[in-house]
Amino acid sequence: MIRILIVDDEKPICDLIDLNLSAAGYSCTAVQDGLAAVERIEKETFDLILLDIMLPGANGYDIMEYIRPLGIPVIFITAKHAVKDKVKGLKLGADDYLVKPFDVVELTARVEAVLRRYNKANQVLTAGDVTVDVEARRVRKAGRPVALTNKEFGLLLLFMQNKNIALFRETLYEKVWEGEYFGDSRTLDLHVQRLRKKLGWEQKLAAVYKVGYRLEELD
């Protein structure tokens, strides 16, 4: 399992990231102190580090200097939004830079993108008896292949990467159709209905009033 270290001095943010990435199938460890992060990195192996900049003990830039020779991919997640801060972080060797407040769906997508570059991405996702081979774009239910359109497959990936999280219609449409959402949800709703039918998820893929949809996965 992919192991991710979350380093942020705000526990609610650590908990939010942990909740979302754990639901997407990652194993997460969180610390709120820079020196504690260094100690963890010395003793344990991580596939990715999500790193704040303003930290007690040692700041994110100092930690990045320590991490760089180890070859561990890093995404800065910080409230420092100035271009000079972003440039500094990337020049120090970070693979990506995300400014707070952030969208959890975007965070998951960025994590996936960085891990793919290092050939560490989760290649198989599961939800109940449904499995998705991301690289091969194959979907199976109870071992039997399920044929999905490209848009249905894109929706399924978003739901499986964000289990138990209510996803806004705007987010789903803009991520899968790659265009601006103008409030007409008929196309999205029809695709979700077909996905439910093909996977037997009439109850599992729940509509969330005035929000969108949520994949309910309690395993």
N, C-alpha and C. Protein backbone atom coordinates (compact mmCIF):
# COMPACT_ATOMS: atom_id res chain seq x y z
N MET A 1 0.84 -1.20 0.00
CA MET A 1 0.00 0.00 0.00
C MET A 1 0.87 1.25 0.00
N ILE A 2 0.46 2.26 -0.77
CA ILE A 2 1.18 3.52 -0.83
C ILE A 2 1.10 4.23 0.53
N ARG A 3 2.27 4.66 1.05
CA ARG A 3 2.33 5.33 2.35
C ARG A 3 2.60 6.82 2.15
N ILE A 4 1.77 7.65 2.78
CA ILE A 4 1.88 9.11 2.65
C ILE A 4 2.06 9.74 4.02
N LEU A 5 3.06 10.63 4.13
CA LEU A 5 3.28 11.39 5.36
C LEU A 5 2.69 12.78 5.17
N ILE A 6 1.80 13.17 6.09
CA ILE A 6 1.17 14.49 6.07
C ILE A 6 1.82 15.33 7.16
N VAL A 7 2.39 16.47 6.78
CA VAL A 7 3.07 17.34 7.74
C VAL A 7 2.40 18.71 7.73
N ASP A 8 1.61 18.99 8.75
CA ASP A 8 0.89 20.26 8.84
C ASP A 8 0.60 20.54 10.31
N ASP A 9 0.81 21.78 10.74
CA ASP A 9 0.62 22.09 12.16
C ASP A 9 -0.84 22.25 12.55
N GLU A 10 -1.76 22.21 11.58
CA GLU A 10 -3.19 22.31 11.87
C GLU A 10 -3.81 20.92 11.82
N LYS A 11 -4.18 20.40 12.99
CA LYS A 11 -4.71 19.04 13.05
C LYS A 11 -5.97 18.85 12.21
N PRO A 12 -6.90 19.82 12.15
CA PRO A 12 -8.08 19.62 11.30
C PRO A 12 -7.72 19.41 9.83
N ILE A 13 -6.68 20.08 9.36
CA ILE A 13 -6.26 19.89 7.97
C ILE A 13 -5.65 18.51 7.80
N CYS A 14 -4.83 18.09 8.77
CA CYS A 14 -4.28 16.73 8.72
C CYS A 14 -5.39 15.70 8.69
N ASP A 15 -6.40 15.91 9.52
CA ASP A 15 -7.52 14.95 9.59
C ASP A 15 -8.30 14.93 8.28
N LEU A 16 -8.51 16.10 7.68
CA LEU A 16 -9.24 16.19 6.41
C LEU A 16 -8.50 15.44 5.31
N ILE A 17 -7.19 15.68 5.22
CA ILE A 17 -6.38 15.01 4.19
C ILE A 17 -6.35 13.52 4.44
N ASP A 18 -6.14 13.14 5.69
CA ASP A 18 -6.09 11.72 6.06
C ASP A 18 -7.40 11.02 5.68
N LEU A 19 -8.52 11.63 6.00
CA LEU A 19 -9.83 11.05 5.71
C LEU A 19 -9.99 10.78 4.22
N ASN A 20 -9.66 11.78 3.42
CA ASN A 20 -9.86 11.67 1.98
C ASN A 20 -8.89 10.69 1.32
N LEU A 21 -7.63 10.77 1.69
CA LEU A 21 -6.65 9.89 1.05
C LEU A 21 -6.78 8.45 1.55
N SER A 22 -7.18 8.26 2.79
CA SER A 22 -7.43 6.91 3.29
C SER A 22 -8.60 6.28 2.54
N ALA A 23 -9.63 7.10 2.27
CA ALA A 23 -10.78 6.60 1.52
C ALA A 23 -10.38 6.22 0.10
N ALA A 24 -9.32 6.87 -0.42
CA ALA A 24 -8.85 6.57 -1.78
C ALA A 24 -7.88 5.39 -1.79
N GLY A 25 -7.62 4.80 -0.62
CA GLY A 25 -6.81 3.59 -0.58
C GLY A 25 -5.37 3.78 -0.15
N TYR A 26 -5.03 4.95 0.40
CA TYR A 26 -3.67 5.21 0.84
C TYR A 26 -3.54 5.02 2.35
N SER A 27 -2.32 4.71 2.78
CA SER A 27 -2.02 4.62 4.20
C SER A 27 -1.37 5.93 4.63
N CYS A 28 -2.01 6.65 5.55
CA CYS A 28 -1.53 7.99 5.91
C CYS A 28 -1.02 8.06 7.34
N THR A 29 0.03 8.84 7.53
CA THR A 29 0.57 9.18 8.84
C THR A 29 0.66 10.69 8.91
N ALA A 30 0.24 11.29 10.03
CA ALA A 30 0.24 12.75 10.14
C ALA A 30 1.05 13.20 11.35
N VAL A 31 1.82 14.27 11.17
CA VAL A 31 2.53 14.93 12.27
C VAL A 31 2.33 16.43 12.15
N GLN A 32 2.42 17.14 13.28
CA GLN A 32 2.18 18.58 13.28
C GLN A 32 3.43 19.41 13.57
N ASP A 33 4.60 18.78 13.53
CA ASP A 33 5.84 19.46 13.89
C ASP A 33 6.94 19.08 12.90
N GLY A 34 7.75 20.06 12.53
CA GLY A 34 8.79 19.82 11.54
C GLY A 34 9.83 18.81 11.99
N LEU A 35 10.29 18.92 13.22
CA LEU A 35 11.30 17.98 13.73
C LEU A 35 10.71 16.58 13.85
N ALA A 36 9.45 16.49 14.25
CA ALA A 36 8.79 15.18 14.33
C ALA A 36 8.71 14.55 12.94
N ALA A 37 8.52 15.39 11.91
CA ALA A 37 8.48 14.88 10.55
C ALA A 37 9.82 14.28 10.15
N VAL A 38 10.90 14.98 10.48
CA VAL A 38 12.24 14.48 10.15
C VAL A 38 12.50 13.15 10.85
N GLU A 39 12.09 13.06 12.11
CA GLU A 39 12.27 11.80 12.86
C GLU A 39 11.52 10.66 12.19
N ARG A 40 10.31 10.92 11.73
CA ARG A 40 9.52 9.89 11.05
C ARG A 40 10.19 9.45 9.76
N ILE A 41 10.68 10.42 9.00
CA ILE A 41 11.31 10.13 7.72
C ILE A 41 12.58 9.30 7.93
N GLU A 42 13.30 9.56 9.03
CA GLU A 42 14.52 8.80 9.33
C GLU A 42 14.22 7.34 9.66
N LYS A 43 13.07 7.11 10.30
CA LYS A 43 12.76 5.77 10.82
C LYS A 43 11.86 4.95 9.91
N GLU A 44 11.07 5.62 9.05
CA GLU A 44 10.07 4.91 8.25
C GLU A 44 10.23 5.24 6.77
N THR A 45 9.57 4.43 5.94
CA THR A 45 9.61 4.63 4.49
C THR A 45 8.28 5.19 4.02
N PHE A 46 8.35 6.27 3.25
CA PHE A 46 7.14 6.89 2.70
C PHE A 46 7.28 7.03 1.19
N ASP A 47 6.14 6.93 0.50
CA ASP A 47 6.12 7.06 -0.96
C ASP A 47 5.86 8.49 -1.40
N LEU A 48 5.31 9.31 -0.50
CA LEU A 48 4.99 10.70 -0.83
C LEU A 48 4.87 11.48 0.47
N ILE A 49 5.29 12.74 0.43
CA ILE A 49 5.17 13.62 1.60
C ILE A 49 4.38 14.86 1.21
N LEU A 50 3.33 15.17 1.97
CA LEU A 50 2.56 16.39 1.81
C LEU A 50 3.03 17.35 2.89
N LEU A 51 3.62 18.47 2.49
CA LEU A 51 4.42 19.28 3.41
C LEU A 51 3.95 20.73 3.47
N ASP A 52 3.62 21.17 4.69
CA ASP A 52 3.34 22.59 4.92
C ASP A 52 4.68 23.33 5.01
N ILE A 53 4.65 24.65 4.88
CA ILE A 53 5.88 25.43 4.98
C ILE A 53 6.05 26.02 6.37
N MET A 54 4.99 26.64 6.89
CA MET A 54 5.09 27.29 8.21
C MET A 54 4.79 26.26 9.30
N LEU A 55 5.88 25.73 9.88
CA LEU A 55 5.78 24.66 10.87
C LEU A 55 6.62 24.98 12.10
N PRO A 56 6.22 24.52 13.28
CA PRO A 56 7.10 24.63 14.44
C PRO A 56 8.25 23.62 14.34
N GLY A 57 9.35 23.94 15.00
CA GLY A 57 10.48 23.00 15.02
C GLY A 57 11.42 23.19 13.84
N ALA A 58 10.92 23.01 12.64
CA ALA A 58 11.68 23.22 11.40
C ALA A 58 10.69 23.53 10.30
N ASN A 59 10.97 24.55 9.50
CA ASN A 59 9.99 24.91 8.47
C ASN A 59 10.09 23.99 7.26
N GLY A 60 9.08 24.10 6.39
CA GLY A 60 9.00 23.19 5.26
C GLY A 60 10.18 23.29 4.31
N TYR A 61 10.73 24.49 4.14
CA TYR A 61 11.89 24.65 3.25
C TYR A 61 13.10 23.87 3.79
N ASP A 62 13.31 23.97 5.11
CA ASP A 62 14.42 23.24 5.72
C ASP A 62 14.23 21.73 5.57
N ILE A 63 13.00 21.28 5.78
CA ILE A 63 12.71 19.85 5.66
C ILE A 63 12.92 19.40 4.21
N MET A 64 12.54 20.25 3.26
CA MET A 64 12.72 19.92 1.85
C MET A 64 14.19 19.71 1.52
N GLU A 65 15.07 20.52 2.10
CA GLU A 65 16.50 20.35 1.89
C GLU A 65 16.96 18.98 2.38
N TYR A 66 16.36 18.54 3.49
CA TYR A 66 16.71 17.23 4.04
C TYR A 66 16.16 16.10 3.18
N ILE A 67 14.95 16.29 2.66
CA ILE A 67 14.28 15.23 1.89
C ILE A 67 14.90 15.03 0.52
N ARG A 68 15.34 16.14 -0.12
CA ARG A 68 15.74 16.10 -1.53
C ARG A 68 16.71 14.96 -1.87
N PRO A 69 17.77 14.72 -1.08
CA PRO A 69 18.68 13.62 -1.44
C PRO A 69 18.05 12.23 -1.32
N LEU A 70 16.92 12.13 -0.62
CA LEU A 70 16.29 10.83 -0.41
C LEU A 70 15.43 10.39 -1.59
N GLY A 71 15.10 11.33 -2.46
CA GLY A 71 14.32 10.99 -3.65
C GLY A 71 12.85 10.72 -3.39
N ILE A 72 12.32 11.23 -2.27
CA ILE A 72 10.90 11.04 -1.96
C ILE A 72 10.10 12.20 -2.58
N PRO A 73 9.07 11.92 -3.38
CA PRO A 73 8.28 13.01 -3.95
C PRO A 73 7.58 13.83 -2.87
N VAL A 74 7.48 15.14 -3.12
CA VAL A 74 6.91 16.08 -2.14
C VAL A 74 5.92 17.01 -2.83
N ILE A 75 4.78 17.22 -2.18
CA ILE A 75 3.84 18.26 -2.59
C ILE A 75 3.73 19.26 -1.44
N PHE A 76 4.08 20.51 -1.70
CA PHE A 76 3.86 21.55 -0.69
C PHE A 76 2.37 21.88 -0.64
N ILE A 77 1.82 21.94 0.57
CA ILE A 77 0.44 22.38 0.78
C ILE A 77 0.51 23.50 1.81
N THR A 78 0.27 24.72 1.39
CA THR A 78 0.58 25.86 2.24
C THR A 78 -0.33 27.05 1.97
N ALA A 79 -0.42 27.94 2.95
CA ALA A 79 -1.17 29.18 2.78
C ALA A 79 -0.33 30.25 2.09
N LYS A 80 0.96 30.00 1.91
CA LYS A 80 1.85 30.97 1.26
C LYS A 80 1.59 30.93 -0.26
N HIS A 81 0.91 31.97 -0.76
CA HIS A 81 0.42 31.93 -2.13
C HIS A 81 1.22 32.80 -3.09
N ALA A 82 2.21 33.54 -2.60
CA ALA A 82 2.98 34.42 -3.48
C ALA A 82 3.77 33.60 -4.50
N VAL A 83 3.95 34.17 -5.69
CA VAL A 83 4.68 33.47 -6.74
C VAL A 83 6.10 33.14 -6.28
N LYS A 84 6.74 34.06 -5.55
CA LYS A 84 8.11 33.81 -5.12
C LYS A 84 8.20 32.59 -4.19
N ASP A 85 7.16 32.37 -3.38
CA ASP A 85 7.15 31.20 -2.49
C ASP A 85 7.00 29.93 -3.30
N LYS A 86 6.10 29.96 -4.28
CA LYS A 86 5.90 28.79 -5.13
C LYS A 86 7.17 28.47 -5.90
N VAL A 87 7.81 29.49 -6.47
CA VAL A 87 9.05 29.28 -7.22
C VAL A 87 10.13 28.71 -6.31
N LYS A 88 10.24 29.24 -5.10
CA LYS A 88 11.24 28.73 -4.16
C LYS A 88 11.00 27.27 -3.85
N GLY A 89 9.74 26.92 -3.57
CA GLY A 89 9.41 25.53 -3.25
C GLY A 89 9.74 24.58 -4.38
N LEU A 90 9.39 24.98 -5.61
CA LEU A 90 9.65 24.12 -6.76
C LEU A 90 11.14 24.03 -7.06
N LYS A 91 11.87 25.12 -6.87
CA LYS A 91 13.31 25.10 -7.10
C LYS A 91 14.03 24.22 -6.08
N LEU A 92 13.46 24.13 -4.88
CA LEU A 92 14.05 23.26 -3.86
C LEU A 92 13.85 21.78 -4.18
N GLY A 93 12.97 21.49 -5.15
CA GLY A 93 12.78 20.11 -5.56
C GLY A 93 11.40 19.54 -5.35
N ALA A 94 10.43 20.36 -4.88
CA ALA A 94 9.07 19.86 -4.70
C ALA A 94 8.47 19.51 -6.06
N ASP A 95 7.62 18.49 -6.08
CA ASP A 95 6.99 18.04 -7.31
C ASP A 95 5.73 18.82 -7.65
N ASP A 96 5.11 19.44 -6.65
CA ASP A 96 3.90 20.22 -6.89
C ASP A 96 3.73 21.18 -5.72
N TYR A 97 2.83 22.14 -5.88
CA TYR A 97 2.61 23.19 -4.88
C TYR A 97 1.13 23.53 -4.89
N LEU A 98 0.45 23.29 -3.77
CA LEU A 98 -0.99 23.51 -3.67
C LEU A 98 -1.26 24.52 -2.57
N VAL A 99 -2.05 25.54 -2.91
CA VAL A 99 -2.31 26.63 -1.97
C VAL A 99 -3.60 26.37 -1.20
N LYS A 100 -3.57 26.60 0.12
CA LYS A 100 -4.77 26.53 0.96
C LYS A 100 -5.62 27.78 0.73
N PRO A 101 -6.95 27.67 0.84
CA PRO A 101 -7.73 26.43 0.99
C PRO A 101 -7.77 25.69 -0.34
N PHE A 102 -7.85 24.37 -0.27
CA PHE A 102 -7.80 23.56 -1.47
C PHE A 102 -9.03 22.67 -1.57
N ASP A 103 -9.30 22.21 -2.77
CA ASP A 103 -10.39 21.27 -3.02
C ASP A 103 -9.85 19.85 -2.82
N VAL A 104 -10.51 19.02 -2.03
CA VAL A 104 -9.99 17.68 -1.74
C VAL A 104 -9.92 16.81 -2.99
N VAL A 105 -10.82 17.05 -3.93
CA VAL A 105 -10.78 16.28 -5.19
C VAL A 105 -9.52 16.65 -5.97
N GLU A 106 -9.20 17.94 -5.99
CA GLU A 106 -7.98 18.38 -6.68
C GLU A 106 -6.75 17.81 -5.98
N LEU A 107 -6.75 17.80 -4.65
CA LEU A 107 -5.62 17.22 -3.92
C LEU A 107 -5.41 15.76 -4.31
N THR A 108 -6.49 14.98 -4.33
CA THR A 108 -6.37 13.57 -4.69
C THR A 108 -5.82 13.41 -6.10
N ALA A 109 -6.29 14.25 -7.02
CA ALA A 109 -5.82 14.19 -8.40
C ALA A 109 -4.34 14.52 -8.49
N ARG A 110 -3.90 15.51 -7.73
CA ARG A 110 -2.48 15.89 -7.75
C ARG A 110 -1.61 14.79 -7.14
N VAL A 111 -2.10 14.17 -6.08
CA VAL A 111 -1.38 13.05 -5.48
C VAL A 111 -1.22 11.93 -6.50
N GLU A 112 -2.30 11.60 -7.18
CA GLU A 112 -2.26 10.55 -8.20
C GLU A 112 -1.26 10.91 -9.30
N ALA A 113 -1.27 12.17 -9.73
CA ALA A 113 -0.39 12.59 -10.83
C ALA A 113 1.08 12.46 -10.43
N VAL A 114 1.41 12.90 -9.22
CA VAL A 114 2.81 12.81 -8.78
C VAL A 114 3.23 11.36 -8.62
N LEU A 115 2.37 10.53 -8.05
CA LEU A 115 2.72 9.13 -7.88
C LEU A 115 2.88 8.41 -9.21
N ARG A 116 2.07 8.80 -10.20
CA ARG A 116 2.22 8.21 -11.53
C ARG A 116 3.60 8.52 -12.11
N ARG A 117 4.07 9.75 -11.89
CA ARG A 117 5.37 10.12 -12.43
C ARG A 117 6.49 9.27 -11.82
N TYR A 118 6.25 8.79 -10.61
CA TYR A 118 7.24 7.95 -9.93
C TYR A 118 6.89 6.46 -10.03
N ASN A 119 5.90 6.16 -10.88
CA ASN A 119 5.44 4.77 -11.05
C ASN A 119 5.00 4.15 -9.74
N LYS A 120 4.34 4.95 -8.89
CA LYS A 120 3.89 4.46 -7.60
C LYS A 120 2.38 4.54 -7.44
N ALA A 121 1.67 4.96 -8.46
CA ALA A 121 0.23 5.18 -8.32
C ALA A 121 -0.50 3.87 -8.05
N ASN A 122 -1.60 3.99 -7.29
CA ASN A 122 -2.47 2.83 -7.08
C ASN A 122 -3.04 2.42 -8.43
N GLN A 123 -2.72 1.23 -8.90
CA GLN A 123 -3.16 0.79 -10.21
C GLN A 123 -4.51 0.06 -10.16
N VAL A 124 -4.87 -0.46 -8.99
CA VAL A 124 -6.13 -1.18 -8.86
C VAL A 124 -6.93 -0.59 -7.70
N LEU A 125 -8.14 -0.14 -7.98
CA LEU A 125 -9.03 0.40 -6.96
C LEU A 125 -10.18 -0.58 -6.74
N THR A 126 -10.66 -0.65 -5.51
CA THR A 126 -11.76 -1.57 -5.21
C THR A 126 -12.84 -0.87 -4.39
N ALA A 127 -14.06 -1.29 -4.61
CA ALA A 127 -15.20 -0.87 -3.80
C ALA A 127 -16.18 -2.03 -3.80
N GLY A 128 -16.25 -2.75 -2.68
CA GLY A 128 -17.08 -3.94 -2.63
C GLY A 128 -16.56 -4.98 -3.61
N ASP A 129 -17.43 -5.46 -4.50
CA ASP A 129 -17.02 -6.47 -5.48
C ASP A 129 -16.64 -5.86 -6.82
N VAL A 130 -16.47 -4.52 -6.85
CA VAL A 130 -16.07 -3.84 -8.08
C VAL A 130 -14.58 -3.50 -8.00
N THR A 131 -13.84 -3.87 -9.04
CA THR A 131 -12.42 -3.54 -9.13
C THR A 131 -12.15 -2.77 -10.42
N VAL A 132 -11.23 -1.84 -10.33
CA VAL A 132 -10.86 -1.03 -11.49
C VAL A 132 -9.35 -1.08 -11.66
N ASP A 133 -8.91 -1.58 -12.81
CA ASP A 133 -7.51 -1.52 -13.19
C ASP A 133 -7.33 -0.19 -13.93
N VAL A 134 -6.72 0.77 -13.23
CA VAL A 134 -6.65 2.14 -13.76
C VAL A 134 -5.85 2.19 -15.05
N GLU A 135 -4.69 1.55 -15.06
CA GLU A 135 -3.81 1.62 -16.22
C GLU A 135 -4.45 0.97 -17.45
N ALA A 136 -5.04 -0.20 -17.24
CA ALA A 136 -5.65 -0.92 -18.37
C ALA A 136 -7.07 -0.44 -18.67
N ARG A 137 -7.63 0.39 -17.77
CA ARG A 137 -9.00 0.89 -17.92
C ARG A 137 -10.00 -0.26 -18.01
N ARG A 138 -9.79 -1.27 -17.15
CA ARG A 138 -10.70 -2.41 -17.09
C ARG A 138 -11.50 -2.38 -15.79
N VAL A 139 -12.79 -2.64 -15.90
CA VAL A 139 -13.68 -2.66 -14.74
C VAL A 139 -14.31 -4.04 -14.64
N ARG A 140 -14.31 -4.59 -13.42
CA ARG A 140 -14.94 -5.89 -13.19
C ARG A 140 -15.84 -5.82 -11.97
N LYS A 141 -16.96 -6.54 -12.06
CA LYS A 141 -17.86 -6.68 -10.92
C LYS A 141 -18.02 -8.16 -10.65
N ALA A 142 -17.64 -8.57 -9.44
CA ALA A 142 -17.67 -9.98 -9.06
C ALA A 142 -16.89 -10.83 -10.08
N GLY A 143 -15.80 -10.26 -10.59
CA GLY A 143 -14.95 -10.98 -11.52
C GLY A 143 -15.36 -10.89 -12.97
N ARG A 144 -16.53 -10.34 -13.25
CA ARG A 144 -17.02 -10.24 -14.63
C ARG A 144 -16.77 -8.85 -15.19
N PRO A 145 -16.30 -8.76 -16.45
CA PRO A 145 -16.02 -7.44 -17.04
C PRO A 145 -17.28 -6.60 -17.21
N VAL A 146 -17.12 -5.30 -17.00
CA VAL A 146 -18.20 -4.34 -17.18
C VAL A 146 -17.75 -3.31 -18.21
N ALA A 147 -18.52 -3.11 -19.26
CA ALA A 147 -18.18 -2.16 -20.31
C ALA A 147 -18.71 -0.77 -19.94
N LEU A 148 -17.79 0.19 -19.85
CA LEU A 148 -18.17 1.57 -19.54
C LEU A 148 -17.70 2.50 -20.64
N THR A 149 -18.45 3.57 -20.85
CA THR A 149 -17.99 4.62 -21.76
C THR A 149 -16.87 5.40 -21.07
N ASN A 150 -16.18 6.25 -21.82
CA ASN A 150 -15.10 7.05 -21.23
C ASN A 150 -15.61 7.94 -20.11
N LYS A 151 -16.77 8.54 -20.29
CA LYS A 151 -17.32 9.43 -19.26
C LYS A 151 -17.73 8.63 -18.02
N GLU A 152 -18.33 7.48 -18.22
CA GLU A 152 -18.71 6.63 -17.09
C GLU A 152 -17.47 6.18 -16.32
N PHE A 153 -16.42 5.83 -17.05
CA PHE A 153 -15.17 5.42 -16.40
C PHE A 153 -14.58 6.58 -15.59
N GLY A 154 -14.61 7.79 -16.16
CA GLY A 154 -14.10 8.95 -15.44
C GLY A 154 -14.87 9.23 -14.16
N LEU A 155 -16.20 9.10 -14.23
CA LEU A 155 -17.01 9.28 -13.03
C LEU A 155 -16.69 8.22 -11.99
N LEU A 156 -16.57 6.96 -12.45
CA LEU A 156 -16.28 5.87 -11.52
C LEU A 156 -14.96 6.11 -10.79
N LEU A 157 -13.93 6.55 -11.50
CA LEU A 157 -12.65 6.83 -10.85
C LEU A 157 -12.79 7.89 -9.76
N LEU A 158 -13.52 8.97 -10.07
CA LEU A 158 -13.70 10.02 -9.07
C LEU A 158 -14.43 9.50 -7.84
N PHE A 159 -15.47 8.71 -8.04
CA PHE A 159 -16.21 8.16 -6.89
C PHE A 159 -15.33 7.22 -6.07
N MET A 160 -14.56 6.37 -6.74
CA MET A 160 -13.74 5.39 -6.01
C MET A 160 -12.54 6.03 -5.33
N GLN A 161 -12.08 7.15 -5.85
CA GLN A 161 -10.98 7.87 -5.22
C GLN A 161 -11.46 8.75 -4.08
N ASN A 162 -12.77 8.91 -3.95
CA ASN A 162 -13.35 9.80 -2.92
C ASN A 162 -14.52 9.12 -2.23
N LYS A 163 -14.30 7.89 -1.74
CA LYS A 163 -15.37 7.13 -1.11
C LYS A 163 -15.92 7.87 0.12
N ASN A 164 -17.24 7.79 0.26
CA ASN A 164 -17.95 8.38 1.42
C ASN A 164 -17.88 9.90 1.46
N ILE A 165 -17.48 10.52 0.34
CA ILE A 165 -17.38 11.98 0.28
C ILE A 165 -18.40 12.49 -0.73
N ALA A 166 -19.18 13.49 -0.33
CA ALA A 166 -20.17 14.07 -1.23
C ALA A 166 -19.44 14.94 -2.26
N LEU A 167 -19.61 14.60 -3.54
CA LEU A 167 -18.96 15.35 -4.61
C LEU A 167 -19.99 16.25 -5.29
N PHE A 168 -19.65 17.51 -5.43
CA PHE A 168 -20.55 18.47 -6.06
C PHE A 168 -20.72 18.16 -7.55
N ARG A 169 -21.92 18.42 -8.05
CA ARG A 169 -22.17 18.24 -9.47
C ARG A 169 -21.18 19.05 -10.31
N GLU A 170 -20.90 20.27 -9.84
CA GLU A 170 -19.96 21.12 -10.57
C GLU A 170 -18.60 20.44 -10.70
N THR A 171 -18.12 19.84 -9.60
CA THR A 171 -16.82 19.18 -9.60
C THR A 171 -16.81 17.99 -10.55
N LEU A 172 -17.85 17.16 -10.46
CA LEU A 172 -17.92 15.97 -11.31
C LEU A 172 -17.95 16.36 -12.78
N TYR A 173 -18.76 17.35 -13.11
CA TYR A 173 -18.88 17.74 -14.51
C TYR A 173 -17.57 18.33 -15.04
N GLU A 174 -16.99 19.24 -14.26
CA GLU A 174 -15.78 19.91 -14.73
C GLU A 174 -14.60 18.96 -14.82
N LYS A 175 -14.52 17.96 -13.94
CA LYS A 175 -13.41 17.00 -13.99
C LYS A 175 -13.56 16.01 -15.14
N VAL A 176 -14.79 15.53 -15.37
CA VAL A 176 -15.00 14.48 -16.37
C VAL A 176 -15.23 15.06 -17.76
N TRP A 177 -16.03 16.13 -17.85
CA TRP A 177 -16.32 16.72 -19.17
C TRP A 177 -15.30 17.80 -19.53
N GLU A 178 -14.49 18.19 -18.55
CA GLU A 178 -13.42 19.18 -18.77
C GLU A 178 -13.96 20.48 -19.35
N GLY A 179 -15.08 20.89 -18.81
CA GLY A 179 -15.68 22.15 -19.24
C GLY A 179 -16.39 22.81 -18.08
N GLU A 180 -16.79 24.06 -18.26
CA GLU A 180 -17.46 24.79 -17.19
C GLU A 180 -18.89 24.28 -17.02
N TYR A 181 -19.31 24.15 -15.76
CA TYR A 181 -20.65 23.67 -15.43
C TYR A 181 -21.61 24.86 -15.40
N PHE A 182 -22.73 24.76 -16.15
CA PHE A 182 -23.69 25.87 -16.22
C PHE A 182 -25.00 25.56 -15.52
N GLY A 183 -25.04 24.52 -14.71
CA GLY A 183 -26.23 24.25 -13.91
C GLY A 183 -27.19 23.23 -14.49
N ASP A 184 -26.99 22.79 -15.72
CA ASP A 184 -27.85 21.77 -16.31
C ASP A 184 -27.24 20.41 -16.00
N SER A 185 -27.89 19.67 -15.10
CA SER A 185 -27.30 18.42 -14.61
C SER A 185 -27.84 17.18 -15.33
N ARG A 186 -28.65 17.35 -16.40
CA ARG A 186 -29.28 16.20 -17.04
C ARG A 186 -28.26 15.21 -17.59
N THR A 187 -27.24 15.72 -18.26
CA THR A 187 -26.22 14.84 -18.84
C THR A 187 -25.50 14.06 -17.75
N LEU A 188 -25.10 14.76 -16.70
CA LEU A 188 -24.42 14.10 -15.58
C LEU A 188 -25.33 13.08 -14.92
N ASP A 189 -26.58 13.45 -14.65
CA ASP A 189 -27.51 12.54 -13.97
C ASP A 189 -27.75 11.27 -14.79
N LEU A 190 -27.85 11.41 -16.11
CA LEU A 190 -28.06 10.23 -16.96
C LEU A 190 -26.86 9.29 -16.90
N HIS A 191 -25.66 9.85 -16.91
CA HIS A 191 -24.46 9.01 -16.82
C HIS A 191 -24.38 8.30 -15.48
N VAL A 192 -24.76 9.01 -14.41
CA VAL A 192 -24.75 8.39 -13.09
C VAL A 192 -25.78 7.26 -13.03
N GLN A 193 -26.96 7.48 -13.61
CA GLN A 193 -27.99 6.43 -13.63
C GLN A 193 -27.50 5.19 -14.35
N ARG A 194 -26.82 5.38 -15.49
CA ARG A 194 -26.30 4.23 -16.23
C ARG A 194 -25.21 3.51 -15.45
N LEU A 195 -24.38 4.29 -14.76
CA LEU A 195 -23.31 3.69 -13.95
C LEU A 195 -23.92 2.86 -12.81
N ARG A 196 -24.94 3.40 -12.16
CA ARG A 196 -25.63 2.66 -11.11
C ARG A 196 -26.14 1.31 -11.63
N LYS A 197 -26.80 1.36 -12.78
CA LYS A 197 -27.40 0.15 -13.34
C LYS A 197 -26.34 -0.88 -13.71
N LYS A 198 -25.26 -0.44 -14.34
CA LYS A 198 -24.22 -1.37 -14.79
C LYS A 198 -23.50 -2.03 -13.61
N LEU A 199 -23.36 -1.31 -12.50
CA LEU A 199 -22.62 -1.83 -11.36
C LEU A 199 -23.52 -2.35 -10.24
N GLY A 200 -24.83 -2.20 -10.39
CA GLY A 200 -25.74 -2.59 -9.32
C GLY A 200 -25.61 -1.70 -8.10
N TRP A 201 -25.34 -0.43 -8.34
CA TRP A 201 -25.09 0.52 -7.26
C TRP A 201 -26.29 1.46 -7.05
N GLU A 202 -27.51 0.96 -7.26
CA GLU A 202 -28.68 1.81 -7.10
C GLU A 202 -28.76 2.42 -5.70
N GLN A 203 -28.35 1.67 -4.69
CA GLN A 203 -28.37 2.17 -3.32
C GLN A 203 -27.02 2.74 -2.89
N LYS A 204 -25.97 2.18 -3.44
CA LYS A 204 -24.62 2.54 -3.00
C LYS A 204 -24.17 3.91 -3.52
N LEU A 205 -24.58 4.27 -4.74
CA LEU A 205 -24.22 5.56 -5.32
C LEU A 205 -25.37 6.52 -5.05
N ALA A 206 -25.27 7.21 -3.91
CA ALA A 206 -26.40 7.97 -3.38
C ALA A 206 -26.40 9.42 -3.85
N ALA A 207 -27.60 9.92 -4.10
CA ALA A 207 -27.76 11.34 -4.41
C ALA A 207 -27.73 12.13 -3.10
N VAL A 208 -27.02 13.23 -3.11
CA VAL A 208 -26.95 14.12 -1.93
C VAL A 208 -27.68 15.40 -2.27
N TYR A 209 -28.73 15.69 -1.54
CA TYR A 209 -29.63 16.81 -1.83
C TYR A 209 -28.86 18.13 -1.97
N LYS A 210 -29.08 18.82 -3.07
CA LYS A 210 -28.49 20.11 -3.37
C LYS A 210 -26.96 20.09 -3.46
N VAL A 211 -26.37 18.92 -3.54
CA VAL A 211 -24.91 18.82 -3.65
C VAL A 211 -24.54 18.04 -4.91
N GLY A 212 -24.77 16.73 -4.89
CA GLY A 212 -24.38 15.89 -6.02
C GLY A 212 -24.55 14.42 -5.67
N TYR A 213 -23.43 13.70 -5.62
CA TYR A 213 -23.49 12.26 -5.37
C TYR A 213 -22.37 11.83 -4.43
N ARG A 214 -22.60 10.70 -3.77
CA ARG A 214 -21.61 10.12 -2.86
C ARG A 214 -21.60 8.61 -3.01
N LEU A 215 -20.40 8.03 -3.13
CA LEU A 215 -20.24 6.59 -3.13
C LEU A 215 -20.12 6.14 -1.69
N GLU A 216 -21.14 5.39 -1.21
CA GLU A 216 -21.16 4.96 0.18
C GLU A 216 -20.45 3.62 0.29
N GLU A 217 -19.27 3.65 0.91
CA GLU A 217 -18.44 2.47 1.07
C GLU A 217 -18.03 2.39 2.51
N LEU A 218 -18.56 1.42 3.24
CA LEU A 218 -18.34 1.32 4.68
C LEU A 218 -17.30 0.27 5.06
N ASP A 219 -16.71 -0.41 4.08
CA ASP A 219 -15.73 -1.46 4.38
C ASP A 219 -14.48 -0.86 4.99
